[in-house]
């Protein structure tokens, strides 16, 4: 009877470990997705600024230097 209790305990512990690992993986995936979203947003902003500067030469470095 004691052997059965130990077996049930270890099976229960393995199940808890799997659930915890799954939760950790999901959290890290959410974090990675958030980082990727911020990176895409930053790159998009840089691209838009590049287009604005090409369309508006007064906003380029030459205009700022007084040339």
C-alpha atoms as a PDB file:
ATOM      1  CA  UNK A   1       0.000   0.000   0.000  1.00  0.00           C
ATOM      2  CA  UNK A   2       2.862   2.386   0.764  1.00  0.00           C
ATOM      3  CA  UNK A   3       4.437   1.705  -2.655  1.00  0.00           C
ATOM      4  CA  UNK A   4       1.189   2.684  -4.365  1.00  0.00           C
ATOM      5  CA  UNK A   5       1.074   5.976  -2.439  1.00  0.00           C
ATOM      6  CA  UNK A   6       4.650   6.784  -3.465  1.00  0.00           C
ATOM      7  CA  UNK A   7       3.867   5.957  -7.095  1.00  0.00           C
ATOM      8  CA  UNK A   8       0.781   8.214  -7.030  1.00  0.00           C
ATOM      9  CA  UNK A   9       2.782  11.004  -5.417  1.00  0.00           C
ATOM     10  CA  UNK A  10       5.523  10.853  -8.054  1.00  0.00           C
ATOM     11  CA  UNK A  11       2.950  10.716 -10.869  1.00  0.00           C
ATOM     12  CA  UNK A  12       1.199  13.731  -9.363  1.00  0.00           C
ATOM     13  CA  UNK A  13       4.544  15.528  -9.022  1.00  0.00           C
ATOM     14  CA  UNK A  14       5.423  14.787 -12.660  1.00  0.00           C
ATOM     15  CA  UNK A  15       2.044  16.190 -13.744  1.00  0.00           C
ATOM     16  CA  UNK A  16       2.644  19.357 -11.695  1.00  0.00           C
ATOM     17  CA  UNK A  17       6.101  19.703 -13.244  1.00  0.00           C
ATOM     18  CA  UNK A  18       4.670  19.382 -16.758  1.00  0.00           C
ATOM     19  CA  UNK A  19       2.007  21.987 -16.047  1.00  0.00           C
ATOM     20  CA  UNK A  20       4.579  24.360 -14.547  1.00  0.00           C
ATOM     21  CA  UNK A  21       6.916  23.874 -17.518  1.00  0.00           C
ATOM     22  CA  UNK A  22       4.057  24.531 -19.914  1.00  0.00           C
ATOM     23  CA  UNK A  23       3.132  27.725 -18.044  1.00  0.00           C
ATOM     24  CA  UNK A  24       6.753  28.925 -18.072  1.00  0.00           C
ATOM     25  CA  UNK A  25       7.016  28.250 -21.805  1.00  0.00           C
ATOM     26  CA  UNK A  26       3.787  30.133 -22.512  1.00  0.00           C
ATOM     27  CA  UNK A  27       4.984  33.130 -20.482  1.00  0.00           C
ATOM     28  CA  UNK A  28       8.324  33.199 -22.278  1.00  0.00           C
ATOM     29  CA  UNK A  29       6.537  32.956 -25.632  1.00  0.00           C
ATOM     30  CA  UNK A  30       4.323  35.912 -24.706  1.00  0.00           C
ATOM     31  CA  UNK A  31       7.428  37.863 -23.692  1.00  0.00           C
ATOM     32  CA  UNK A  32       9.163  37.037 -26.990  1.00  0.00           C
ATOM     33  CA  UNK A  33       6.088  38.085 -28.958  1.00  0.00           C
ATOM     34  CA  UNK A  34       5.922  41.383 -27.059  1.00  0.00           C
ATOM     35  CA  UNK A  35       9.598  42.037 -27.763  1.00  0.00           C
ATOM     36  CA  UNK A  36       9.108  41.254 -31.451  1.00  0.00           C
ATOM     37  CA  UNK A  37       6.104  43.584 -31.580  1.00  0.00           C
ATOM     38  CA  UNK A  38       8.136  46.424 -30.059  1.00  0.00           C
ATOM     39  CA  UNK A  39      10.984  45.768 -32.491  1.00  0.00           C
ATOM     40  CA  UNK A  40       8.597  45.863 -35.482  1.00  0.00           C
ATOM     41  CA  UNK A  41       7.063  49.081 -34.162  1.00  0.00           C
ATOM     42  CA  UNK A  42      10.506  50.676 -33.762  1.00  0.00           C
ATOM     43  CA  UNK A  43      11.582  49.636 -37.266  1.00  0.00           C
ATOM     44  CA  UNK A  44       8.324  50.914 -38.744  1.00  0.00           C
ATOM     45  CA  UNK A  45       8.844  54.281 -37.040  1.00  0.00           C
ATOM     46  CA  UNK A  46      12.393  54.469 -38.396  1.00  0.00           C
ATOM     47  CA  UNK A  47      11.120  53.667 -41.902  1.00  0.00           C
ATOM     48  CA  UNK A  48       8.401  56.320 -41.721  1.00  0.00           C
ATOM     49  CA  UNK A  49      10.944  58.902 -40.535  1.00  0.00           C
ATOM     50  CA  UNK A  50      13.218  57.923 -43.418  1.00  0.00           C
ATOM     51  CA  UNK A  51      10.366  58.477 -45.890  1.00  0.00           C
ATOM     52  CA  UNK A  52       9.486  61.809 -44.306  1.00  0.00           C
ATOM     53  CA  UNK A  53      13.090  62.989 -44.567  1.00  0.00           C
ATOM     54  CA  UNK A  54      13.314  61.948 -48.225  1.00  0.00           C
ATOM     55  CA  UNK A  55      10.075  63.767 -49.063  1.00  0.00           C
ATOM     56  CA  UNK A  56      10.975  66.841 -47.027  1.00  0.00           C
ATOM     57  CA  UNK A  57      14.598  67.843 -47.728  1.00  0.00           C
ATOM     58  CA  UNK A  58      14.350  70.770 -45.296  1.00  0.00           C
ATOM     59  CA  UNK A  59      14.175  68.268 -42.431  1.00  0.00           C
ATOM     60  CA  UNK A  60      17.469  66.662 -43.480  1.00  0.00           C
ATOM     61  CA  UNK A  61      20.838  67.375 -41.927  1.00  0.00           C
ATOM     62  CA  UNK A  62      21.735  70.046 -44.535  1.00  0.00           C
ATOM     63  CA  UNK A  63      18.878  72.287 -43.451  1.00  0.00           C
ATOM     64  CA  UNK A  64      19.802  71.885 -39.794  1.00  0.00           C
ATOM     65  CA  UNK A  65      23.389  72.957 -40.492  1.00  0.00           C
ATOM     66  CA  UNK A  66      22.243  76.080 -42.306  1.00  0.00           C
ATOM     67  CA  UNK A  67      23.329  75.021 -45.818  1.00  0.00           C
END
